[in-house]
Amino acid sequence: EEVAYITGHVICFMNVGTNQRRYLHGRDDGGVGAIALSDDGEYFAVAERSFSEKPNVYIYTFKDMKLYRILRKGTEKGFAAVKFSPHQKNHLAALGCAPD
């Protein structure tokens, strides 16, 4: 069992049984705004912030942390929240920060 938390530009995944950690660095220049795990644990989303361009939401496979998809042009400055649909894992809701 793992827990995940955001520390600026980095997401830390910590195994609560072994205290082993794995890290994923953000891709955009403004840090990570929000993260979400699909209900089946297969995918996780990283919704980012950016100072220089429109930020993206990156979808990764959870087991091996490989980039699966990039969702572009969703907001102007950054994302405040992201959530996979409990009904269909290929649907995702993302909430943009101001000025959206």
C-alpha atoms as a PDB file:
ATOM      1  CA  GLU A   1       0.000   0.000   0.000  1.00  0.00           C
ATOM      2  CA  GLU A   2       1.318   3.410  -1.017  1.00  0.00           C
ATOM      3  CA  VAL A   3       0.441   6.981  -0.175  1.00  0.00           C
ATOM      4  CA  ALA A   4       1.266   9.910  -2.441  1.00  0.00           C
ATOM      5  CA  TYR A   5       1.907  13.543  -1.668  1.00  0.00           C
ATOM      6  CA  ILE A   6       3.043  16.630  -3.562  1.00  0.00           C
ATOM      7  CA  THR A   7       6.177  18.565  -2.639  1.00  0.00           C
ATOM      8  CA  GLY A   8       6.358  21.462  -5.096  1.00  0.00           C
ATOM      9  CA  HIS A   9       7.538  20.014  -8.407  1.00  0.00           C
ATOM     10  CA  VAL A  10       7.801  16.432  -7.143  1.00  0.00           C
ATOM     11  CA  ILE A  11       5.284  13.719  -6.266  1.00  0.00           C
ATOM     12  CA  CYS A  12       6.477  11.273  -3.628  1.00  0.00           C
ATOM     13  CA  PHE A  13       5.001   7.763  -3.440  1.00  0.00           C
ATOM     14  CA  MET A  14       5.748   6.061  -0.137  1.00  0.00           C
ATOM     15  CA  ASN A  15       5.126   2.400   0.675  1.00  0.00           C
ATOM     16  CA  VAL A  16       3.660   2.492   4.191  1.00  0.00           C
ATOM     17  CA  GLY A  17       4.913  -0.997   5.014  1.00  0.00           C
ATOM     18  CA  THR A  18       8.536  -0.595   3.961  1.00  0.00           C
ATOM     19  CA  ASN A  19       8.936   3.234   3.922  1.00  0.00           C
ATOM     20  CA  GLN A  20      10.439   2.824   0.434  1.00  0.00           C
ATOM     21  CA  ARG A  21       9.850   5.874  -1.745  1.00  0.00           C
ATOM     22  CA  ARG A  22       9.677   6.533  -5.459  1.00  0.00           C
ATOM     23  CA  TYR A  23       9.573   9.985  -6.981  1.00  0.00           C
ATOM     24  CA  LEU A  24       8.100  11.561 -10.079  1.00  0.00           C
ATOM     25  CA  HIS A  25       9.172  15.042 -11.164  1.00  0.00           C
ATOM     26  CA  GLY A  26       6.678  17.444 -12.682  1.00  0.00           C
ATOM     27  CA  ARG A  27       7.033  18.364 -16.346  1.00  0.00           C
ATOM     28  CA  ASP A  28       5.697  21.937 -16.387  1.00  0.00           C
ATOM     29  CA  ASP A  29       7.479  24.895 -14.773  1.00  0.00           C
ATOM     30  CA  GLY A  30       4.924  25.879 -12.105  1.00  0.00           C
ATOM     31  CA  GLY A  31       4.811  22.777  -9.924  1.00  0.00           C
ATOM     32  CA  VAL A  32       2.168  20.133  -9.414  1.00  0.00           C
ATOM     33  CA  GLY A  33      -1.342  21.381  -8.668  1.00  0.00           C
ATOM     34  CA  ALA A  34      -3.188  18.115  -7.972  1.00  0.00           C
ATOM     35  CA  ILE A  35      -2.946  14.346  -8.327  1.00  0.00           C
ATOM     36  CA  ALA A  36      -5.504  11.553  -8.568  1.00  0.00           C
ATOM     37  CA  LEU A  37      -5.493   7.754  -8.764  1.00  0.00           C
ATOM     38  CA  SER A  38      -8.062   5.824 -10.797  1.00  0.00           C
ATOM     39  CA  ASP A  39     -10.391   3.630  -8.734  1.00  0.00           C
ATOM     40  CA  ASP A  40      -8.795   0.444 -10.088  1.00  0.00           C
ATOM     41  CA  GLY A  41      -5.280   1.736  -9.323  1.00  0.00           C
ATOM     42  CA  GLU A  42      -4.126   1.364 -12.919  1.00  0.00           C
ATOM     43  CA  TYR A  43      -3.598   5.058 -13.743  1.00  0.00           C
ATOM     44  CA  PHE A  44      -2.806   8.284 -11.963  1.00  0.00           C
ATOM     45  CA  ALA A  45      -3.177  11.854 -13.142  1.00  0.00           C
ATOM     46  CA  VAL A  46      -0.829  14.748 -12.487  1.00  0.00           C
ATOM     47  CA  ALA A  47      -2.461  18.153 -13.031  1.00  0.00           C
ATOM     48  CA  GLU A  48       0.233  20.805 -13.215  1.00  0.00           C
ATOM     49  CA  ARG A  49       0.767  24.558 -13.042  1.00  0.00           C
ATOM     50  CA  SER A  50       2.822  26.708 -15.388  1.00  0.00           C
ATOM     51  CA  PHE A  51       4.222  30.231 -15.496  1.00  0.00           C
ATOM     52  CA  SER A  52       5.272  30.285 -19.141  1.00  0.00           C
ATOM     53  CA  GLU A  53       2.642  28.307 -21.082  1.00  0.00           C
ATOM     54  CA  LYS A  54      -0.652  26.519 -20.629  1.00  0.00           C
ATOM     55  CA  PRO A  55      -0.265  23.631 -18.177  1.00  0.00           C
ATOM     56  CA  ASN A  56      -1.168  20.032 -18.921  1.00  0.00           C
ATOM     57  CA  VAL A  57      -2.636  17.023 -17.185  1.00  0.00           C
ATOM     58  CA  TYR A  58      -0.354  14.006 -17.515  1.00  0.00           C
ATOM     59  CA  ILE A  59      -1.750  10.485 -17.201  1.00  0.00           C
ATOM     60  CA  TYR A  60       0.685   7.761 -16.101  1.00  0.00           C
ATOM     61  CA  THR A  61       0.408   4.033 -15.563  1.00  0.00           C
ATOM     62  CA  PHE A  62       0.730   3.616 -11.815  1.00  0.00           C
ATOM     63  CA  LYS A  63       2.712   0.387 -11.653  1.00  0.00           C
ATOM     64  CA  ASP A  64       5.671   1.491 -13.784  1.00  0.00           C
ATOM     65  CA  MET A  65       5.127   5.301 -13.870  1.00  0.00           C
ATOM     66  CA  LYS A  66       5.198   5.463 -17.667  1.00  0.00           C
ATOM     67  CA  LEU A  67       3.569   8.413 -19.400  1.00  0.00           C
ATOM     68  CA  TYR A  68       0.316   7.228 -20.990  1.00  0.00           C
ATOM     69  CA  ARG A  69      -1.459  10.395 -22.215  1.00  0.00           C
ATOM     70  CA  ILE A  70      -1.154  14.186 -22.155  1.00  0.00           C
ATOM     71  CA  LEU A  71      -4.295  16.340 -21.878  1.00  0.00           C
ATOM     72  CA  ARG A  72      -3.637  19.824 -23.236  1.00  0.00           C
ATOM     73  CA  LYS A  73      -5.318  23.259 -23.323  1.00  0.00           C
ATOM     74  CA  GLY A  74      -7.515  22.791 -20.251  1.00  0.00           C
ATOM     75  CA  THR A  75      -6.718  25.983 -18.330  1.00  0.00           C
ATOM     76  CA  GLU A  76      -4.622  29.153 -18.460  1.00  0.00           C
ATOM     77  CA  LYS A  77      -2.369  29.028 -15.371  1.00  0.00           C
ATOM     78  CA  GLY A  78      -2.808  25.806 -13.429  1.00  0.00           C
ATOM     79  CA  PHE A  79      -5.058  23.103 -12.018  1.00  0.00           C
ATOM     80  CA  ALA A  80      -6.400  23.050  -8.467  1.00  0.00           C
ATOM     81  CA  ALA A  81      -8.058  19.606  -8.486  1.00  0.00           C
ATOM     82  CA  VAL A  82      -8.347  16.478 -10.606  1.00  0.00           C
ATOM     83  CA  LYS A  83     -10.494  13.329 -10.242  1.00  0.00           C
ATOM     84  CA  PHE A  84     -11.111  10.194 -12.273  1.00  0.00           C
ATOM     85  CA  SER A  85     -14.743   9.287 -12.846  1.00  0.00           C
ATOM     86  CA  PRO A  86     -15.925   6.463 -10.579  1.00  0.00           C
ATOM     87  CA  HIS A  87     -18.056   5.202 -13.485  1.00  0.00           C
ATOM     88  CA  GLN A  88     -15.568   5.228 -16.373  1.00  0.00           C
ATOM     89  CA  LYS A  89     -11.826   5.394 -15.777  1.00  0.00           C
ATOM     90  CA  ASN A  90     -11.272   7.030 -19.160  1.00  0.00           C
ATOM     91  CA  HIS A  91     -13.178  10.121 -17.980  1.00  0.00           C
ATOM     92  CA  LEU A  92     -11.484  12.766 -15.869  1.00  0.00           C
ATOM     93  CA  ALA A  93     -12.588  16.049 -14.316  1.00  0.00           C
ATOM     94  CA  ALA A  94     -10.066  18.844 -13.752  1.00  0.00           C
ATOM     95  CA  LEU A  95     -10.620  22.209 -12.044  1.00  0.00           C
ATOM     96  CA  GLY A  96      -8.567  25.144 -13.275  1.00  0.00           C
ATOM     97  CA  CYS A  97      -7.171  27.913 -11.048  1.00  0.00           C
ATOM     98  CA  ALA A  98      -7.840  31.623 -11.528  1.00  0.00           C
ATOM     99  CA  PRO A  99      -8.298  33.324 -13.952  1.00  0.00           C
ATOM    100  CA  ASP A 100     -10.415  30.521 -15.448  1.00  0.00           C
END
